[in-house]
Amino acid sequence: MTRNKSLIIVARVVSLVFTPFYLPLVGIALLLTFTFLNGLPTKYKLLLISTVYLLTVFIPTVLIFLYRLARGWSLQELGQKHHRIVPYAISIACYLICIWLLDRVYVNHEIISIIIAALIIQAVVICVNFFWKISSHTAAIGGVTGALVAYGFLFEFNPVGWLCLSIFISGIVGSARIILRQHSVAQVVAGFFIGAVCAFVSITYL
């Protein structure tokens, strides 16, 4: 019994650490590390990352938390399919504001494309969730995997090591969502592949 409780606690921590909101930050970090963008001034990089963090992680997380408190729901209740519409709407609105702001200050298109990819993944997940509940957590980590493949083609670097790490983390995140009984194996796998395909197509062709 104690072992099961420990496993559930670990699964909850994994779900919190690898929240879908971090997808744009991870993608931008990859860009700033492996592409010509690594030559940008440090202050500019920090300002960019801070802005993206504020609009795609901090503000959506706070607003969704306040919404959950107002409704009196637990985290498990918030995860129910018919309770996720408003949180998704909050997240999409914040992403749109972020894209608009970065475009207004003429940030590189490669950076904006990361946020567009994350937005497309969310939109597809929402549409699918009207019919079948899939995992947004594995969709996000799948997006990281798809982005790595896309960057490997676009910027001609070898992403194999990072791909292995991404796939390994995907397995951990998917297992955590199954342990918490938020998703089935099929829903976890479907989320991963939807995220990977959407990110690859978005970054390669948009």
Protein backbone atom coordinates (compact mmCIF):
# COMPACT_ATOMS: atom_id res chain seq x y z
CA MET A 1 0.00 0.00 0.00
CA THR A 2 2.83 2.40 0.91
CA ARG A 3 4.59 1.53 -2.34
CA ASN A 4 1.47 2.38 -4.36
CA LYS A 5 1.15 5.74 -2.59
CA SER A 6 4.79 6.54 -3.33
CA LEU A 7 4.26 5.64 -6.98
CA ILE A 8 1.25 7.94 -7.19
CA ILE A 9 3.20 10.81 -5.60
CA VAL A 10 6.03 10.34 -8.10
CA ALA A 11 3.51 10.25 -10.96
CA ARG A 12 1.96 13.52 -9.76
CA VAL A 13 5.37 15.18 -9.54
CA VAL A 14 6.22 14.03 -13.07
CA SER A 15 2.90 15.40 -14.37
CA LEU A 16 3.58 18.76 -12.73
CA VAL A 17 7.20 19.01 -13.88
CA PHE A 18 6.43 18.05 -17.48
CA THR A 19 3.32 20.18 -17.84
CA PRO A 20 2.32 20.87 -21.49
CA PHE A 21 2.91 24.58 -20.92
CA TYR A 22 6.70 24.09 -21.13
CA LEU A 23 6.69 23.02 -24.79
CA PRO A 24 7.44 26.51 -26.24
CA LEU A 25 10.24 27.11 -23.72
CA VAL A 26 11.90 23.80 -24.56
CA GLY A 27 11.62 24.49 -28.28
CA ILE A 28 13.07 27.97 -27.94
CA ALA A 29 15.92 26.64 -25.78
CA LEU A 30 16.72 24.14 -28.55
CA LEU A 31 16.74 26.94 -31.13
CA LEU A 32 18.98 29.17 -29.03
CA THR A 33 21.38 26.28 -28.47
CA PHE A 34 21.68 24.50 -31.82
CA THR A 35 21.02 27.14 -34.49
CA PHE A 36 22.39 30.48 -35.69
CA LEU A 37 20.24 32.09 -32.98
CA ASN A 38 22.82 31.10 -30.36
CA GLY A 39 24.71 34.22 -31.42
CA LEU A 40 22.02 36.55 -30.10
CA PRO A 41 22.95 38.78 -27.12
CA THR A 42 22.44 37.16 -23.71
CA LYS A 43 20.18 39.95 -22.48
CA TYR A 44 17.96 39.51 -25.53
CA LYS A 45 17.75 35.75 -24.93
CA LEU A 46 16.82 36.25 -21.27
CA LEU A 47 14.17 38.83 -22.14
CA LEU A 48 12.74 36.56 -24.81
CA ILE A 49 12.61 33.50 -22.56
CA SER A 50 11.12 35.56 -19.71
CA THR A 51 8.37 36.91 -21.98
CA VAL A 52 7.51 33.49 -23.36
CA TYR A 53 7.54 32.00 -19.85
CA LEU A 54 5.23 34.71 -18.57
CA LEU A 55 2.66 34.32 -21.36
CA THR A 56 2.75 30.57 -21.96
CA VAL A 57 3.45 29.18 -18.48
CA PHE A 58 2.98 31.56 -15.57
CA ILE A 59 -0.18 33.45 -16.55
CA PRO A 60 -2.08 30.39 -17.92
CA THR A 61 -1.13 28.34 -14.84
CA VAL A 62 -2.32 31.04 -12.44
CA LEU A 63 -5.56 31.67 -14.34
CA ILE A 64 -6.39 27.96 -14.58
CA PHE A 65 -5.59 27.52 -10.87
CA LEU A 66 -7.94 30.38 -9.98
CA TYR A 67 -10.61 28.91 -12.27
CA ARG A 68 -10.27 25.52 -10.57
CA LEU A 69 -10.58 27.14 -7.13
CA ALA A 70 -13.63 29.10 -8.21
CA ARG A 71 -15.30 25.90 -9.44
CA GLY A 72 -14.23 23.95 -6.35
CA TRP A 73 -12.67 21.16 -8.42
CA SER A 74 -9.77 18.90 -7.56
CA LEU A 75 -6.97 18.30 -10.07
CA GLN A 76 -8.61 14.99 -10.99
CA GLU A 77 -11.94 16.71 -11.64
CA LEU A 78 -10.25 19.36 -13.75
CA GLY A 79 -8.80 16.55 -15.87
CA GLN A 80 -12.25 15.34 -16.87
CA LYS A 81 -13.01 15.87 -20.55
CA HIS A 82 -15.96 18.24 -20.13
CA HIS A 83 -14.05 20.33 -17.55
CA ARG A 84 -11.06 21.04 -19.78
CA ILE A 85 -12.64 23.42 -22.30
CA VAL A 86 -12.13 26.64 -20.30
CA PRO A 87 -8.50 25.80 -19.34
CA TYR A 88 -7.75 25.13 -23.00
CA ALA A 89 -9.41 28.43 -23.99
CA ILE A 90 -7.30 30.29 -21.41
CA SER A 91 -4.12 28.68 -22.70
CA ILE A 92 -4.94 29.38 -26.37
CA ALA A 93 -5.73 33.03 -25.60
CA CYS A 94 -2.37 33.46 -23.83
CA TYR A 95 -0.52 31.81 -26.73
CA LEU A 96 -2.24 34.09 -29.25
CA ILE A 97 -1.23 37.14 -27.22
CA CYS A 98 2.34 35.85 -27.07
CA ILE A 99 2.48 35.30 -30.85
CA TRP A 100 1.01 38.76 -31.49
CA LEU A 101 3.48 40.44 -29.12
CA LEU A 102 6.55 38.69 -30.52
CA ASP A 103 5.46 39.48 -34.05
CA ARG A 104 4.98 43.15 -33.13
CA VAL A 105 8.57 43.42 -31.89
CA TYR A 106 9.93 41.56 -34.94
CA VAL A 107 11.23 38.44 -33.21
CA ASN A 108 12.72 35.83 -35.56
CA HIS A 109 10.07 33.74 -37.32
CA GLU A 110 11.83 30.54 -36.24
CA ILE A 111 11.05 31.41 -32.62
CA ILE A 112 7.44 32.38 -33.31
CA SER A 113 6.96 29.11 -35.23
CA ILE A 114 7.62 27.21 -31.99
CA ILE A 115 4.68 28.89 -30.29
CA ILE A 116 2.53 28.43 -33.39
CA ALA A 117 3.36 24.72 -33.32
CA ALA A 118 2.39 24.50 -29.64
CA LEU A 119 -0.84 26.35 -30.40
CA ILE A 120 -1.69 23.98 -33.26
CA ILE A 121 -1.03 20.97 -31.02
CA GLN A 122 -3.41 22.37 -28.41
CA ALA A 123 -6.08 23.07 -31.04
CA VAL A 124 -5.86 19.54 -32.44
CA VAL A 125 -5.94 18.02 -28.94
CA ILE A 126 -9.06 20.05 -28.11
CA CYS A 127 -10.81 18.91 -31.29
CA VAL A 128 -9.94 15.26 -30.66
CA ASN A 129 -11.01 15.55 -27.01
CA PHE A 130 -14.56 16.33 -28.08
CA PHE A 131 -14.74 12.71 -29.22
CA TRP A 132 -11.96 10.91 -27.33
CA LYS A 133 -9.87 12.05 -24.38
CA ILE A 134 -6.18 11.99 -25.30
CA SER A 135 -3.20 13.09 -23.25
CA SER A 136 -2.11 16.72 -23.63
CA HIS A 137 0.99 15.87 -21.57
CA THR A 138 2.25 13.31 -24.08
CA ALA A 139 1.13 15.56 -26.95
CA ALA A 140 3.48 18.22 -25.57
CA ILE A 141 6.47 15.91 -25.20
CA GLY A 142 5.62 14.47 -28.61
CA GLY A 143 5.81 18.03 -29.89
CA VAL A 144 9.34 18.31 -28.52
CA THR A 145 10.27 15.10 -30.34
CA GLY A 146 8.74 16.32 -33.59
CA ALA A 147 10.50 19.67 -33.24
CA LEU A 148 13.85 17.93 -32.77
CA VAL A 149 13.36 15.96 -35.98
CA ALA A 150 12.31 19.11 -37.85
CA TYR A 151 15.34 21.05 -36.59
CA GLY A 152 17.61 18.18 -37.56
CA PHE A 153 16.41 18.53 -41.17
CA LEU A 154 16.26 22.34 -41.28
CA PHE A 155 19.56 23.13 -39.57
CA GLU A 156 21.47 19.95 -40.43
CA PHE A 157 22.48 18.81 -36.95
CA ASN A 158 22.32 15.33 -35.49
CA PRO A 159 19.50 15.17 -32.90
CA VAL A 160 19.79 11.46 -32.08
CA GLY A 161 21.02 11.93 -28.52
CA TRP A 162 18.31 14.47 -27.73
CA LEU A 163 15.72 12.30 -29.46
CA CYS A 164 16.63 9.38 -27.20
CA LEU A 165 16.24 11.62 -24.14
CA SER A 166 12.93 12.97 -25.42
CA ILE A 167 11.52 9.51 -26.09
CA PHE A 168 12.71 8.30 -22.68
CA ILE A 169 10.96 11.23 -20.97
CA SER A 170 7.88 10.53 -23.08
CA GLY A 171 7.72 7.04 -21.62
CA ILE A 172 8.00 8.41 -18.07
CA VAL A 173 5.30 11.04 -18.67
CA GLY A 174 2.97 8.55 -20.35
CA SER A 175 3.43 6.06 -17.52
CA ALA A 176 2.67 8.79 -14.97
CA ARG A 177 -0.60 9.69 -16.70
CA ILE A 178 -1.61 6.01 -16.79
CA ILE A 179 -0.71 5.49 -13.11
CA LEU A 180 -2.87 8.48 -12.18
CA ARG A 181 -5.70 6.91 -14.23
CA GLN A 182 -6.04 10.01 -16.35
CA HIS A 183 -5.53 8.14 -19.61
CA SER A 184 -5.32 4.70 -21.16
CA VAL A 185 -2.28 3.42 -23.04
CA ALA A 186 -3.96 4.17 -26.38
CA GLN A 187 -4.75 7.76 -25.32
CA VAL A 188 -1.17 8.34 -24.20
CA VAL A 189 0.31 6.95 -27.42
CA ALA A 190 -2.17 8.85 -29.59
CA GLY A 191 -1.30 12.10 -27.81
CA PHE A 192 2.41 11.56 -28.40
CA PHE A 193 2.06 10.93 -32.14
CA ILE A 194 -0.38 13.80 -32.66
CA GLY A 195 2.06 16.17 -30.94
CA ALA A 196 5.05 14.87 -32.90
CA VAL A 197 3.32 15.12 -36.30
CA CYS A 198 1.82 18.57 -35.62
CA ALA A 199 5.16 20.00 -34.44
CA PHE A 200 7.11 18.53 -37.34
CA VAL A 201 4.66 19.78 -39.97
CA SER A 202 4.22 23.21 -38.34
CA ILE A 203 7.94 23.93 -37.98
CA THR A 204 8.91 22.50 -41.37
CA TYR A 205 6.24 24.12 -43.51
CA LEU A 206 4.91 27.21 -41.68
